[in-house]
């Protein structure tokens, strides 16, 4: 049996990252969670159980590289 490393496609743009974050945020909100706390928990721990599986949010958030996300958040925060 062949041992194959699975690769995930990186996001093409910041717009796609924002779209995914908005979708995950809305899914968490609909399910009654505090989206900010849940997303921060995921970013700090990389534990996907912080994100609901509702609306495929859990698999969507894993498409975002956490390092890139943190870089963009910091850049945006400092620019304003």
PDB file of N, CA and C in Angstrom:
ATOM      1  N   UNK A   1       0.839  -1.168   0.000  1.00  0.00           N
ATOM      2  CA  UNK A   1       0.000   0.000   0.000  1.00  0.00           C
ATOM      3  C   UNK A   1       0.895   1.246   0.000  1.00  0.00           C
ATOM      4  N   UNK A   2       0.499   2.226  -0.749  1.00  0.00           N
ATOM      5  CA  UNK A   2       1.284   3.436  -0.897  1.00  0.00           C
ATOM      6  C   UNK A   2       0.920   4.467   0.174  1.00  0.00           C
ATOM      7  N   UNK A   3       1.941   5.045   0.798  1.00  0.00           N
ATOM      8  CA  UNK A   3       1.727   6.074   1.811  1.00  0.00           C
ATOM      9  C   UNK A   3       1.769   7.438   1.120  1.00  0.00           C
ATOM     10  N   UNK A   4       0.604   8.081   1.017  1.00  0.00           N
ATOM     11  CA  UNK A   4       0.511   9.333   0.282  1.00  0.00           C
ATOM     12  C   UNK A   4       0.183  10.477   1.238  1.00  0.00           C
ATOM     13  N   UNK A   5       0.926  11.559   1.103  1.00  0.00           N
ATOM     14  CA  UNK A   5       0.645  12.750   1.900  1.00  0.00           C
ATOM     15  C   UNK A   5      -0.480  13.512   1.230  1.00  0.00           C
ATOM     16  N   UNK A   6      -1.459  13.869   2.022  1.00  0.00           N
ATOM     17  CA  UNK A   6      -2.603  14.602   1.494  1.00  0.00           C
ATOM     18  C   UNK A   6      -2.293  16.090   1.499  1.00  0.00           C
ATOM     19  N   UNK A   7      -2.546  16.762   0.383  1.00  0.00           N
ATOM     20  CA  UNK A   7      -2.298  18.187   0.271  1.00  0.00           C
ATOM     21  C   UNK A   7      -3.614  18.925   0.144  1.00  0.00           C
ATOM     22  N   UNK A   8      -3.671  20.107   0.748  1.00  0.00           N
ATOM     23  CA  UNK A   8      -4.846  20.953   0.656  1.00  0.00           C
ATOM     24  C   UNK A   8      -4.503  22.177  -0.167  1.00  0.00           C
ATOM     25  N   UNK A   9      -5.429  22.597  -0.980  1.00  0.00           N
ATOM     26  CA  UNK A   9      -5.213  23.784  -1.791  1.00  0.00           C
ATOM     27  C   UNK A   9      -5.258  25.030  -0.910  1.00  0.00           C
ATOM     28  N   UNK A  10      -4.268  25.887  -1.092  1.00  0.00           N
ATOM     29  CA  UNK A  10      -4.241  27.139  -0.344  1.00  0.00           C
ATOM     30  C   UNK A  10      -5.273  28.095  -0.924  1.00  0.00           C
ATOM     31  N   UNK A  11      -5.721  29.004  -0.103  1.00  0.00           N
ATOM     32  CA  UNK A  11      -6.694  29.980  -0.573  1.00  0.00           C
ATOM     33  C   UNK A  11      -6.034  30.923  -1.567  1.00  0.00           C
ATOM     34  N   UNK A  12      -6.786  31.294  -2.584  1.00  0.00           N
ATOM     35  CA  UNK A  12      -6.246  32.139  -3.631  1.00  0.00           C
ATOM     36  C   UNK A  12      -6.214  33.611  -3.269  1.00  0.00           C
ATOM     37  N   UNK A  13      -7.080  34.032  -2.379  1.00  0.00           N
ATOM     38  CA  UNK A  13      -7.150  35.466  -2.128  1.00  0.00           C
ATOM     39  C   UNK A  13      -7.614  35.776  -0.713  1.00  0.00           C
ATOM     40  N   UNK A  14      -7.382  37.025  -0.353  1.00  0.00           N
ATOM     41  CA  UNK A  14      -7.867  37.504   0.940  1.00  0.00           C
ATOM     42  C   UNK A  14      -9.385  37.535   0.944  1.00  0.00           C
ATOM     43  N   UNK A  15      -9.955  37.787  -0.226  1.00  0.00           N
ATOM     44  CA  UNK A  15     -11.419  37.837  -0.333  1.00  0.00           C
ATOM     45  C   UNK A  15     -12.027  36.478  -0.009  1.00  0.00           C
ATOM     46  N   UNK A  16     -11.381  35.413  -0.445  1.00  0.00           N
ATOM     47  CA  UNK A  16     -11.883  34.070  -0.153  1.00  0.00           C
ATOM     48  C   UNK A  16     -11.762  33.768   1.343  1.00  0.00           C
ATOM     49  N   UNK A  17     -10.663  34.228   1.951  1.00  0.00           N
ATOM     50  CA  UNK A  17     -10.481  34.038   3.390  1.00  0.00           C
ATOM     51  C   UNK A  17     -11.586  34.781   4.146  1.00  0.00           C
ATOM     52  N   UNK A  18     -11.873  35.986   3.728  1.00  0.00           N
ATOM     53  CA  UNK A  18     -12.914  36.782   4.376  1.00  0.00           C
ATOM     54  C   UNK A  18     -14.282  36.129   4.206  1.00  0.00           C
ATOM     55  N   UNK A  19     -14.544  35.607   3.028  1.00  0.00           N
ATOM     56  CA  UNK A  19     -15.819  34.937   2.759  1.00  0.00           C
ATOM     57  C   UNK A  19     -15.996  33.718   3.663  1.00  0.00           C
ATOM     58  N   UNK A  20     -14.939  32.943   3.823  1.00  0.00           N
ATOM     59  CA  UNK A  20     -14.991  31.763   4.689  1.00  0.00           C
ATOM     60  C   UNK A  20     -15.211  32.185   6.138  1.00  0.00           C
ATOM     61  N   UNK A  21     -14.477  33.194   6.596  1.00  0.00           N
ATOM     62  CA  UNK A  21     -14.640  33.655   7.978  1.00  0.00           C
ATOM     63  C   UNK A  21     -16.056  34.162   8.232  1.00  0.00           C
ATOM     64  N   UNK A  22     -16.610  34.889   7.280  1.00  0.00           N
ATOM     65  CA  UNK A  22     -17.982  35.370   7.427  1.00  0.00           C
ATOM     66  C   UNK A  22     -18.970  34.219   7.505  1.00  0.00           C
ATOM     67  N   UNK A  23     -18.768  33.213   6.684  1.00  0.00           N
ATOM     68  CA  UNK A  23     -19.648  32.047   6.687  1.00  0.00           C
ATOM     69  C   UNK A  23     -19.559  31.298   8.014  1.00  0.00           C
ATOM     70  N   UNK A  24     -18.338  31.092   8.492  1.00  0.00           N
ATOM     71  CA  UNK A  24     -18.129  30.400   9.775  1.00  0.00           C
ATOM     72  C   UNK A  24     -18.737  31.220  10.907  1.00  0.00           C
ATOM     73  N   UNK A  25     -18.514  32.527  10.899  1.00  0.00           N
ATOM     74  CA  UNK A  25     -19.067  33.430  11.906  1.00  0.00           C
ATOM     75  C   UNK A  25     -20.590  33.302  11.951  1.00  0.00           C
ATOM     76  N   UNK A  26     -21.228  33.368  10.778  1.00  0.00           N
ATOM     77  CA  UNK A  26     -22.686  33.283  10.714  1.00  0.00           C
ATOM     78  C   UNK A  26     -23.202  31.924  11.175  1.00  0.00           C
ATOM     79  N   UNK A  27     -22.503  30.862  10.833  1.00  0.00           N
ATOM     80  CA  UNK A  27     -22.904  29.522  11.271  1.00  0.00           C
ATOM     81  C   UNK A  27     -22.849  29.409  12.792  1.00  0.00           C
ATOM     82  N   UNK A  28     -21.797  29.950  13.386  1.00  0.00           N
ATOM     83  CA  UNK A  28     -21.671  29.925  14.844  1.00  0.00           C
ATOM     84  C   UNK A  28     -22.779  30.747  15.497  1.00  0.00           C
ATOM     85  N   UNK A  29     -23.086  31.883  14.910  1.00  0.00           N
ATOM     86  CA  UNK A  29     -24.134  32.754  15.426  1.00  0.00           C
ATOM     87  C   UNK A  29     -25.494  32.060  15.390  1.00  0.00           C
ATOM     88  N   UNK A  30     -25.795  31.423  14.265  1.00  0.00           N
ATOM     89  CA  UNK A  30     -27.068  30.714  14.105  1.00  0.00           C
ATOM     90  C   UNK A  30     -27.216  29.607  15.144  1.00  0.00           C
ATOM     91  N   UNK A  31     -26.116  28.934  15.457  1.00  0.00           N
ATOM     92  CA  UNK A  31     -26.165  27.831  16.424  1.00  0.00           C
ATOM     93  C   UNK A  31     -26.128  28.309  17.874  1.00  0.00           C
ATOM     94  N   UNK A  32     -26.046  29.628  18.090  1.00  0.00           N
ATOM     95  CA  UNK A  32     -26.116  30.167  19.444  1.00  0.00           C
ATOM     96  C   UNK A  32     -24.788  30.322  20.153  1.00  0.00           C
ATOM     97  N   UNK A  33     -23.693  30.189  19.439  1.00  0.00           N
ATOM     98  CA  UNK A  33     -22.370  30.357  20.039  1.00  0.00           C
ATOM     99  C   UNK A  33     -21.926  31.810  19.946  1.00  0.00           C
ATOM    100  N   UNK A  34     -20.937  32.185  20.746  1.00  0.00           N
ATOM    101  CA  UNK A  34     -20.280  33.480  20.614  1.00  0.00           C
ATOM    102  C   UNK A  34     -19.187  33.287  19.550  1.00  0.00           C
ATOM    103  N   UNK A  35     -19.407  33.787  18.332  1.00  0.00           N
ATOM    104  CA  UNK A  35     -18.477  33.507  17.232  1.00  0.00           C
ATOM    105  C   UNK A  35     -17.049  33.975  17.486  1.00  0.00           C
ATOM    106  N   UNK A  36     -16.891  35.131  18.106  1.00  0.00           N
ATOM    107  CA  UNK A  36     -15.540  35.644  18.361  1.00  0.00           C
ATOM    108  C   UNK A  36     -14.788  34.701  19.294  1.00  0.00           C
ATOM    109  N   UNK A  37     -15.411  34.316  20.396  1.00  0.00           N
ATOM    110  CA  UNK A  37     -14.752  33.402  21.339  1.00  0.00           C
ATOM    111  C   UNK A  37     -14.415  32.067  20.690  1.00  0.00           C
ATOM    112  N   UNK A  38     -15.325  31.547  19.897  1.00  0.00           N
ATOM    113  CA  UNK A  38     -15.106  30.243  19.276  1.00  0.00           C
ATOM    114  C   UNK A  38     -13.981  30.302  18.243  1.00  0.00           C
ATOM    115  N   UNK A  39     -13.955  31.354  17.433  1.00  0.00           N
ATOM    116  CA  UNK A  39     -12.914  31.477  16.406  1.00  0.00           C
ATOM    117  C   UNK A  39     -11.551  31.711  17.057  1.00  0.00           C
ATOM    118  N   UNK A  40     -11.509  32.536  18.095  1.00  0.00           N
ATOM    119  CA  UNK A  40     -10.249  32.756  18.821  1.00  0.00           C
ATOM    120  C   UNK A  40      -9.772  31.437  19.440  1.00  0.00           C
ATOM    121  N   UNK A  41     -10.679  30.685  20.033  1.00  0.00           N
ATOM    122  CA  UNK A  41     -10.318  29.381  20.594  1.00  0.00           C
ATOM    123  C   UNK A  41      -9.726  28.466  19.551  1.00  0.00           C
ATOM    124  N   UNK A  42     -10.314  28.463  18.369  1.00  0.00           N
ATOM    125  CA  UNK A  42      -9.797  27.634  17.273  1.00  0.00           C
ATOM    126  C   UNK A  42      -8.409  28.110  16.851  1.00  0.00           C
ATOM    127  N   UNK A  43      -8.247  29.420  16.683  1.00  0.00           N
ATOM    128  CA  UNK A  43      -6.957  29.952  16.235  1.00  0.00           C
ATOM    129  C   UNK A  43      -5.856  29.617  17.237  1.00  0.00           C
ATOM    130  N   UNK A  44      -6.130  29.769  18.523  1.00  0.00           N
ATOM    131  CA  UNK A  44      -5.110  29.514  19.543  1.00  0.00           C
ATOM    132  C   UNK A  44      -4.781  28.039  19.704  1.00  0.00           C
ATOM    133  N   UNK A  45      -5.787  27.183  19.575  1.00  0.00           N
ATOM    134  CA  UNK A  45      -5.571  25.760  19.864  1.00  0.00           C
ATOM    135  C   UNK A  45      -5.457  24.878  18.622  1.00  0.00           C
ATOM    136  N   UNK A  46      -5.954  25.352  17.505  1.00  0.00           N
ATOM    137  CA  UNK A  46      -6.095  24.575  16.262  1.00  0.00           C
ATOM    138  C   UNK A  46      -7.002  23.359  16.472  1.00  0.00           C
ATOM    139  N   UNK A  47      -7.852  23.429  17.463  1.00  0.00           N
ATOM    140  CA  UNK A  47      -8.811  22.368  17.735  1.00  0.00           C
ATOM    141  C   UNK A  47     -10.096  22.675  16.981  1.00  0.00           C
ATOM    142  N   UNK A  48     -10.414  21.899  15.938  1.00  0.00           N
ATOM    143  CA  UNK A  48     -11.580  22.195  15.104  1.00  0.00           C
ATOM    144  C   UNK A  48     -12.919  22.052  15.823  1.00  0.00           C
ATOM    145  N   UNK A  49     -12.926  21.444  17.010  1.00  0.00           N
ATOM    146  CA  UNK A  49     -14.201  21.288  17.709  1.00  0.00           C
ATOM    147  C   UNK A  49     -14.729  22.611  18.254  1.00  0.00           C
ATOM    148  N   UNK A  50     -13.922  23.665  18.206  1.00  0.00           N
ATOM    149  CA  UNK A  50     -14.418  24.997  18.569  1.00  0.00           C
ATOM    150  C   UNK A  50     -15.424  25.499  17.528  1.00  0.00           C
ATOM    151  N   UNK A  51     -15.370  24.929  16.337  1.00  0.00           N
ATOM    152  CA  UNK A  51     -16.212  25.371  15.229  1.00  0.00           C
ATOM    153  C   UNK A  51     -17.298  24.338  14.984  1.00  0.00           C
ATOM    154  N   UNK A  52     -18.522  24.806  14.851  1.00  0.00           N
ATOM    155  CA  UNK A  52     -19.647  23.919  14.587  1.00  0.00           C
ATOM    156  C   UNK A  52     -19.519  23.264  13.210  1.00  0.00           C
ATOM    157  N   UNK A  53     -20.076  22.085  13.073  1.00  0.00           N
ATOM    158  CA  UNK A  53     -20.089  21.436  11.766  1.00  0.00           C
ATOM    159  C   UNK A  53     -21.288  21.904  10.932  1.00  0.00           C
ATOM    160  N   UNK A  54     -22.160  22.694  11.542  1.00  0.00           N
ATOM    161  CA  UNK A  54     -23.326  23.241  10.848  1.00  0.00           C
ATOM    162  C   UNK A  54     -22.872  24.032   9.626  1.00  0.00           C
ATOM    163  N   UNK A  55     -23.544  23.821   8.518  1.00  0.00           N
ATOM    164  CA  UNK A  55     -23.250  24.522   7.260  1.00  0.00           C
ATOM    165  C   UNK A  55     -21.825  24.275   6.770  1.00  0.00           C
ATOM    166  N   UNK A  56     -21.231  23.163   7.163  1.00  0.00           N
ATOM    167  CA  UNK A  56     -19.883  22.792   6.739  1.00  0.00           C
ATOM    168  C   UNK A  56     -18.811  23.770   7.259  1.00  0.00           C
ATOM    169  N   UNK A  57     -19.119  24.494   8.329  1.00  0.00           N
ATOM    170  CA  UNK A  57     -18.215  25.522   8.846  1.00  0.00           C
ATOM    171  C   UNK A  57     -16.876  24.948   9.304  1.00  0.00           C
ATOM    172  N   UNK A  58     -16.909  23.782   9.918  1.00  0.00           N
ATOM    173  CA  UNK A  58     -15.672  23.189  10.438  1.00  0.00           C
ATOM    174  C   UNK A  58     -14.687  22.871   9.323  1.00  0.00           C
ATOM    175  N   UNK A  59     -15.175  22.296   8.245  1.00  0.00           N
ATOM    176  CA  UNK A  59     -14.250  21.981   7.145  1.00  0.00           C
ATOM    177  C   UNK A  59     -13.827  23.242   6.398  1.00  0.00           C
ATOM    178  N   UNK A  60     -14.687  24.250   6.374  1.00  0.00           N
ATOM    179  CA  UNK A  60     -14.310  25.506   5.727  1.00  0.00           C
ATOM    180  C   UNK A  60     -13.160  26.192   6.464  1.00  0.00           C
ATOM    181  N   UNK A  61     -13.248  26.259   7.779  1.00  0.00           N
ATOM    182  CA  UNK A  61     -12.221  26.977   8.552  1.00  0.00           C
ATOM    183  C   UNK A  61     -10.860  26.302   8.417  1.00  0.00           C
ATOM    184  N   UNK A  62     -10.839  25.006   8.199  1.00  0.00           N
ATOM    185  CA  UNK A  62      -9.553  24.316   8.057  1.00  0.00           C
ATOM    186  C   UNK A  62      -8.863  24.643   6.739  1.00  0.00           C
ATOM    187  N   UNK A  63      -9.565  25.279   5.818  1.00  0.00           N
ATOM    188  CA  UNK A  63      -8.954  25.702   4.551  1.00  0.00           C
ATOM    189  C   UNK A  63      -8.105  26.953   4.717  1.00  0.00           C
ATOM    190  N   UNK A  64      -8.277  27.640   5.844  1.00  0.00           N
ATOM    191  CA  UNK A  64      -7.523  28.865   6.088  1.00  0.00           C
ATOM    192  C   UNK A  64      -6.272  28.539   6.894  1.00  0.00           C
ATOM    193  N   UNK A  65      -5.127  28.983   6.407  1.00  0.00           N
ATOM    194  CA  UNK A  65      -3.887  28.810   7.144  1.00  0.00           C
ATOM    195  C   UNK A  65      -3.909  29.764   8.336  1.00  0.00           C
ATOM    196  N   UNK A  66      -3.742  29.227   9.536  1.00  0.00           N
ATOM    197  CA  UNK A  66      -3.849  30.056  10.739  1.00  0.00           C
ATOM    198  C   UNK A  66      -2.810  31.155  10.781  1.00  0.00           C
ATOM    199  N   UNK A  67      -1.590  30.886  10.327  1.00  0.00           N
ATOM    200  CA  UNK A  67      -0.546  31.908  10.324  1.00  0.00           C
ATOM    201  C   UNK A  67      -0.916  33.067   9.405  1.00  0.00           C
ATOM    202  N   UNK A  68      -1.421  32.744   8.220  1.00  0.00           N
ATOM    203  CA  UNK A  68      -1.843  33.787   7.289  1.00  0.00           C
ATOM    204  C   UNK A  68      -3.004  34.588   7.862  1.00  0.00           C
ATOM    205  N   UNK A  69      -3.921  33.899   8.504  1.00  0.00           N
ATOM    206  CA  UNK A  69      -5.064  34.569   9.107  1.00  0.00           C
ATOM    207  C   UNK A  69      -4.606  35.544  10.194  1.00  0.00           C
ATOM    208  N   UNK A  70      -3.716  35.104  11.061  1.00  0.00           N
ATOM    209  CA  UNK A  70      -3.205  35.979  12.121  1.00  0.00           C
ATOM    210  C   UNK A  70      -2.465  37.181  11.543  1.00  0.00           C
ATOM    211  N   UNK A  71      -1.698  36.955  10.486  1.00  0.00           N
ATOM    212  CA  UNK A  71      -0.994  38.061   9.841  1.00  0.00           C
ATOM    213  C   UNK A  71      -1.978  39.091   9.304  1.00  0.00           C
ATOM    214  N   UNK A  72      -3.017  38.633   8.624  1.00  0.00           N
ATOM    215  CA  UNK A  72      -4.004  39.542   8.063  1.00  0.00           C
ATOM    216  C   UNK A  72      -4.781  40.283   9.153  1.00  0.00           C
ATOM    217  N   UNK A  73      -5.136  39.580  10.209  1.00  0.00           N
ATOM    218  CA  UNK A  73      -5.842  40.225  11.315  1.00  0.00           C
ATOM    219  C   UNK A  73      -4.983  41.324  11.951  1.00  0.00           C
ATOM    220  N   UNK A  74      -3.716  41.026  12.176  1.00  0.00           N
ATOM    221  CA  UNK A  74      -2.809  42.006  12.777  1.00  0.00           C
ATOM    222  C   UNK A  74      -2.598  43.201  11.864  1.00  0.00           C
ATOM    223  N   UNK A  75      -2.396  42.940  10.568  1.00  0.00           N
ATOM    224  CA  UNK A  75      -2.229  44.030   9.609  1.00  0.00           C
ATOM    225  C   UNK A  75      -3.472  44.932   9.588  1.00  0.00           C
ATOM    226  N   UNK A  76      -4.630  44.324   9.536  1.00  0.00           N
ATOM    227  CA  UNK A  76      -5.866  45.094   9.508  1.00  0.00           C
ATOM    228  C   UNK A  76      -6.054  45.888  10.789  1.00  0.00           C
ATOM    229  N   UNK A  77      -5.766  45.286  11.904  1.00  0.00           N
ATOM    230  CA  UNK A  77      -5.918  45.960  13.197  1.00  0.00           C
ATOM    231  C   UNK A  77      -4.988  47.161  13.304  1.00  0.00           C
ATOM    232  N   UNK A  78      -3.744  46.999  12.869  1.00  0.00           N
ATOM    233  CA  UNK A  78      -2.771  48.073  12.989  1.00  0.00           C
ATOM    234  C   UNK A  78      -2.969  49.177  11.953  1.00  0.00           C
ATOM    235  N   UNK A  79      -3.559  48.850  10.816  1.00  0.00           N
ATOM    236  CA  UNK A  79      -3.821  49.850   9.782  1.00  0.00           C
ATOM    237  C   UNK A  79      -4.912  50.815  10.181  1.00  0.00           C
ATOM    238  N   UNK A  80      -5.797  50.410  11.079  1.00  0.00           N
ATOM    239  CA  UNK A  80      -6.943  51.253  11.407  1.00  0.00           C
ATOM    240  C   UNK A  80      -6.714  52.078  12.624  1.00  0.00           C
TER     241      UNK A  80
END
